[in-house]
Amino acid sequence: MPGCRSLHGLPPTVIYSGTYDVLYTDIIKTEQKLRASGVDAALHTAGKFGHVYPLYPVPEGRKARREISKIMLRPWW
């Protein structure tokens, strides 16, 4: 996604990534590009975790799942 010209018009976007994610640098660039395009974007990171850390049965994963549940219940339109 970092190579896309514009991300303008995308809906609010929330990204979760561990710092050990093989795509971590691309995720950082994507979040920056989303914001630069005027998209309401938020990046949540957890140190020393991989790509799907919200699924892990650890405190950081449980916290992420609680946050995601709250986000999914909010109206976004």
N, C-alpha and C. Protein backbone atom coordinates (compact mmCIF):
# COMPACT_ATOMS: atom_id res chain seq x y z
N MET A 1 0.79 -1.20 0.00
CA MET A 1 0.00 0.00 0.00
C MET A 1 0.84 1.28 0.00
N PRO A 2 2.05 1.30 0.56
CA PRO A 2 2.82 2.53 0.56
C PRO A 2 3.08 3.09 -0.84
N GLY A 3 3.07 2.27 -1.87
CA GLY A 3 3.33 2.74 -3.21
C GLY A 3 2.14 3.41 -3.89
N CYS A 4 0.96 3.31 -3.31
CA CYS A 4 -0.23 3.92 -3.90
C CYS A 4 -0.08 5.44 -3.94
N ARG A 5 -0.64 6.06 -4.95
CA ARG A 5 -0.53 7.51 -5.07
C ARG A 5 -1.33 8.24 -4.00
N SER A 6 -2.59 7.91 -3.84
CA SER A 6 -3.42 8.60 -2.85
C SER A 6 -4.35 7.60 -2.18
N LEU A 7 -4.54 7.81 -0.91
CA LEU A 7 -5.46 6.97 -0.16
C LEU A 7 -6.66 7.79 0.28
N HIS A 8 -6.78 9.00 -0.28
CA HIS A 8 -7.87 9.91 0.06
C HIS A 8 -9.22 9.22 -0.16
N GLY A 9 -10.12 9.42 0.78
CA GLY A 9 -11.47 8.87 0.65
C GLY A 9 -11.67 7.54 1.34
N LEU A 10 -10.60 6.94 1.85
CA LEU A 10 -10.77 5.69 2.58
C LEU A 10 -11.44 5.96 3.92
N PRO A 11 -12.16 4.99 4.45
CA PRO A 11 -12.82 5.18 5.75
C PRO A 11 -11.78 5.21 6.87
N PRO A 12 -12.19 5.60 8.07
CA PRO A 12 -11.28 5.54 9.22
C PRO A 12 -10.63 4.15 9.30
N THR A 13 -9.34 4.14 9.59
CA THR A 13 -8.57 2.91 9.55
C THR A 13 -7.79 2.72 10.83
N VAL A 14 -7.88 1.54 11.41
CA VAL A 14 -7.11 1.20 12.60
C VAL A 14 -6.22 0.02 12.25
N ILE A 15 -4.94 0.14 12.58
CA ILE A 15 -3.96 -0.89 12.23
C ILE A 15 -3.31 -1.40 13.52
N TYR A 16 -3.22 -2.70 13.64
CA TYR A 16 -2.53 -3.34 14.77
C TYR A 16 -1.33 -4.10 14.21
N SER A 17 -0.17 -3.90 14.83
CA SER A 17 1.03 -4.59 14.37
C SER A 17 2.01 -4.77 15.52
N GLY A 18 2.69 -5.89 15.50
CA GLY A 18 3.79 -6.10 16.43
C GLY A 18 5.07 -5.56 15.81
N THR A 19 6.02 -5.16 16.63
CA THR A 19 7.26 -4.60 16.10
C THR A 19 8.13 -5.65 15.43
N TYR A 20 7.85 -6.93 15.63
CA TYR A 20 8.59 -7.99 14.94
C TYR A 20 7.89 -8.44 13.66
N ASP A 21 6.83 -7.76 13.29
CA ASP A 21 6.11 -8.07 12.06
C ASP A 21 7.04 -7.85 10.87
N VAL A 22 7.12 -8.81 9.97
CA VAL A 22 7.98 -8.67 8.80
C VAL A 22 7.56 -7.47 7.95
N LEU A 23 6.32 -7.04 8.07
CA LEU A 23 5.81 -5.89 7.31
C LEU A 23 5.81 -4.59 8.11
N TYR A 24 6.44 -4.58 9.26
CA TYR A 24 6.36 -3.44 10.18
C TYR A 24 6.72 -2.11 9.52
N THR A 25 7.82 -2.04 8.80
CA THR A 25 8.20 -0.76 8.18
C THR A 25 7.17 -0.32 7.14
N ASP A 26 6.61 -1.26 6.39
CA ASP A 26 5.56 -0.91 5.43
C ASP A 26 4.30 -0.44 6.15
N ILE A 27 4.01 -1.03 7.30
CA ILE A 27 2.83 -0.63 8.07
C ILE A 27 2.99 0.79 8.58
N ILE A 28 4.18 1.15 9.04
CA ILE A 28 4.45 2.51 9.50
C ILE A 28 4.24 3.49 8.34
N LYS A 29 4.80 3.17 7.18
CA LYS A 29 4.66 4.03 6.00
C LYS A 29 3.20 4.16 5.57
N THR A 30 2.46 3.06 5.65
CA THR A 30 1.05 3.09 5.27
C THR A 30 0.25 3.99 6.19
N GLU A 31 0.49 3.88 7.48
CA GLU A 31 -0.23 4.74 8.44
C GLU A 31 0.10 6.21 8.17
N GLN A 32 1.34 6.52 7.89
CA GLN A 32 1.74 7.90 7.58
C GLN A 32 1.08 8.39 6.30
N LYS A 33 1.02 7.52 5.30
CA LYS A 33 0.40 7.89 4.03
C LYS A 33 -1.11 8.09 4.19
N LEU A 34 -1.74 7.24 5.00
CA LEU A 34 -3.16 7.42 5.27
C LEU A 34 -3.43 8.80 5.89
N ARG A 35 -2.66 9.15 6.91
CA ARG A 35 -2.82 10.45 7.56
C ARG A 35 -2.55 11.60 6.60
N ALA A 36 -1.51 11.47 5.79
CA ALA A 36 -1.17 12.51 4.83
C ALA A 36 -2.28 12.69 3.79
N SER A 37 -3.05 11.64 3.55
CA SER A 37 -4.17 11.69 2.59
C SER A 37 -5.46 12.15 3.25
N GLY A 38 -5.40 12.50 4.53
CA GLY A 38 -6.59 12.99 5.22
C GLY A 38 -7.45 11.91 5.83
N VAL A 39 -6.96 10.69 5.87
CA VAL A 39 -7.72 9.59 6.45
C VAL A 39 -7.49 9.56 7.96
N ASP A 40 -8.56 9.37 8.71
CA ASP A 40 -8.45 9.21 10.16
C ASP A 40 -7.85 7.83 10.40
N ALA A 41 -6.57 7.79 10.76
CA ALA A 41 -5.86 6.52 10.91
C ALA A 41 -5.21 6.44 12.28
N ALA A 42 -5.20 5.24 12.83
CA ALA A 42 -4.54 5.00 14.12
C ALA A 42 -3.73 3.72 14.02
N LEU A 43 -2.51 3.78 14.54
CA LEU A 43 -1.64 2.61 14.55
C LEU A 43 -1.39 2.20 16.00
N HIS A 44 -1.67 0.95 16.31
CA HIS A 44 -1.42 0.39 17.64
C HIS A 44 -0.33 -0.66 17.47
N THR A 45 0.73 -0.54 18.27
CA THR A 45 1.82 -1.50 18.16
C THR A 45 2.07 -2.18 19.51
N ALA A 46 2.62 -3.37 19.42
CA ALA A 46 3.03 -4.12 20.60
C ALA A 46 4.45 -4.60 20.34
N GLY A 47 5.34 -4.31 21.27
CA GLY A 47 6.73 -4.67 21.10
C GLY A 47 6.97 -6.17 21.10
N LYS A 48 7.90 -6.58 20.27
CA LYS A 48 8.37 -7.97 20.20
C LYS A 48 7.29 -8.99 19.86
N PHE A 49 6.29 -8.57 19.08
CA PHE A 49 5.25 -9.49 18.62
C PHE A 49 5.22 -9.47 17.10
N GLY A 50 4.64 -10.50 16.52
CA GLY A 50 4.54 -10.62 15.08
C GLY A 50 3.24 -10.05 14.54
N HIS A 51 2.90 -10.50 13.35
CA HIS A 51 1.82 -9.95 12.55
C HIS A 51 0.43 -10.06 13.20
N VAL A 52 0.11 -11.15 13.80
CA VAL A 52 -1.24 -11.36 14.31
C VAL A 52 -1.30 -11.36 15.84
N TYR A 53 -0.52 -10.48 16.47
CA TYR A 53 -0.45 -10.52 17.93
C TYR A 53 -1.80 -10.37 18.63
N PRO A 54 -2.81 -9.69 18.06
CA PRO A 54 -4.08 -9.65 18.77
C PRO A 54 -4.72 -11.03 18.98
N LEU A 55 -4.28 -12.01 18.23
CA LEU A 55 -4.83 -13.36 18.39
C LEU A 55 -4.10 -14.18 19.45
N TYR A 56 -2.96 -13.70 19.91
CA TYR A 56 -2.16 -14.45 20.88
C TYR A 56 -2.82 -14.43 22.26
N PRO A 57 -2.75 -15.54 22.99
CA PRO A 57 -3.35 -15.60 24.34
C PRO A 57 -2.40 -15.00 25.40
N VAL A 58 -2.09 -13.72 25.22
CA VAL A 58 -1.20 -12.99 26.13
C VAL A 58 -1.90 -11.68 26.48
N PRO A 59 -1.46 -10.98 27.54
CA PRO A 59 -2.12 -9.73 27.92
C PRO A 59 -2.22 -8.71 26.79
N GLU A 60 -1.17 -8.56 26.00
CA GLU A 60 -1.22 -7.60 24.89
C GLU A 60 -2.26 -7.98 23.85
N GLY A 61 -2.37 -9.26 23.58
CA GLY A 61 -3.38 -9.73 22.63
C GLY A 61 -4.79 -9.52 23.15
N ARG A 62 -5.00 -9.82 24.43
CA ARG A 62 -6.33 -9.61 25.02
C ARG A 62 -6.71 -8.13 25.01
N LYS A 63 -5.74 -7.26 25.33
CA LYS A 63 -6.00 -5.82 25.31
C LYS A 63 -6.38 -5.38 23.90
N ALA A 64 -5.65 -5.84 22.90
CA ALA A 64 -5.95 -5.49 21.52
C ALA A 64 -7.35 -5.97 21.12
N ARG A 65 -7.71 -7.17 21.51
CA ARG A 65 -9.05 -7.69 21.17
C ARG A 65 -10.15 -6.85 21.82
N ARG A 66 -9.93 -6.43 23.06
CA ARG A 66 -10.93 -5.56 23.71
C ARG A 66 -11.07 -4.24 22.96
N GLU A 67 -9.93 -3.66 22.57
CA GLU A 67 -9.96 -2.41 21.81
C GLU A 67 -10.67 -2.58 20.47
N ILE A 68 -10.34 -3.66 19.78
CA ILE A 68 -10.96 -3.93 18.48
C ILE A 68 -12.47 -4.11 18.63
N SER A 69 -12.90 -4.80 19.68
CA SER A 69 -14.33 -4.99 19.92
C SER A 69 -15.03 -3.64 20.09
N LYS A 70 -14.42 -2.74 20.85
CA LYS A 70 -15.01 -1.41 21.05
C LYS A 70 -15.08 -0.64 19.74
N ILE A 71 -14.01 -0.73 18.96
CA ILE A 71 -13.99 -0.04 17.66
C ILE A 71 -15.09 -0.56 16.75
N MET A 72 -15.27 -1.87 16.72
CA MET A 72 -16.27 -2.47 15.83
C MET A 72 -17.70 -2.10 16.21
N LEU A 73 -17.91 -1.76 17.47
CA LEU A 73 -19.25 -1.40 17.92
C LEU A 73 -19.58 0.07 17.69
N ARG A 74 -18.57 0.89 17.37
CA ARG A 74 -18.80 2.32 17.12
C ARG A 74 -19.39 2.51 15.73
N PRO A 75 -20.36 3.42 15.63
CA PRO A 75 -20.81 3.75 14.28
C PRO A 75 -19.72 4.58 13.60
N TRP A 76 -19.44 4.31 12.34
CA TRP A 76 -18.37 5.03 11.64
C TRP A 76 -18.87 5.93 10.53
N TRP A 77 -20.14 5.91 10.28
CA TRP A 77 -20.64 6.73 9.18
C TRP A 77 -21.02 8.07 9.63
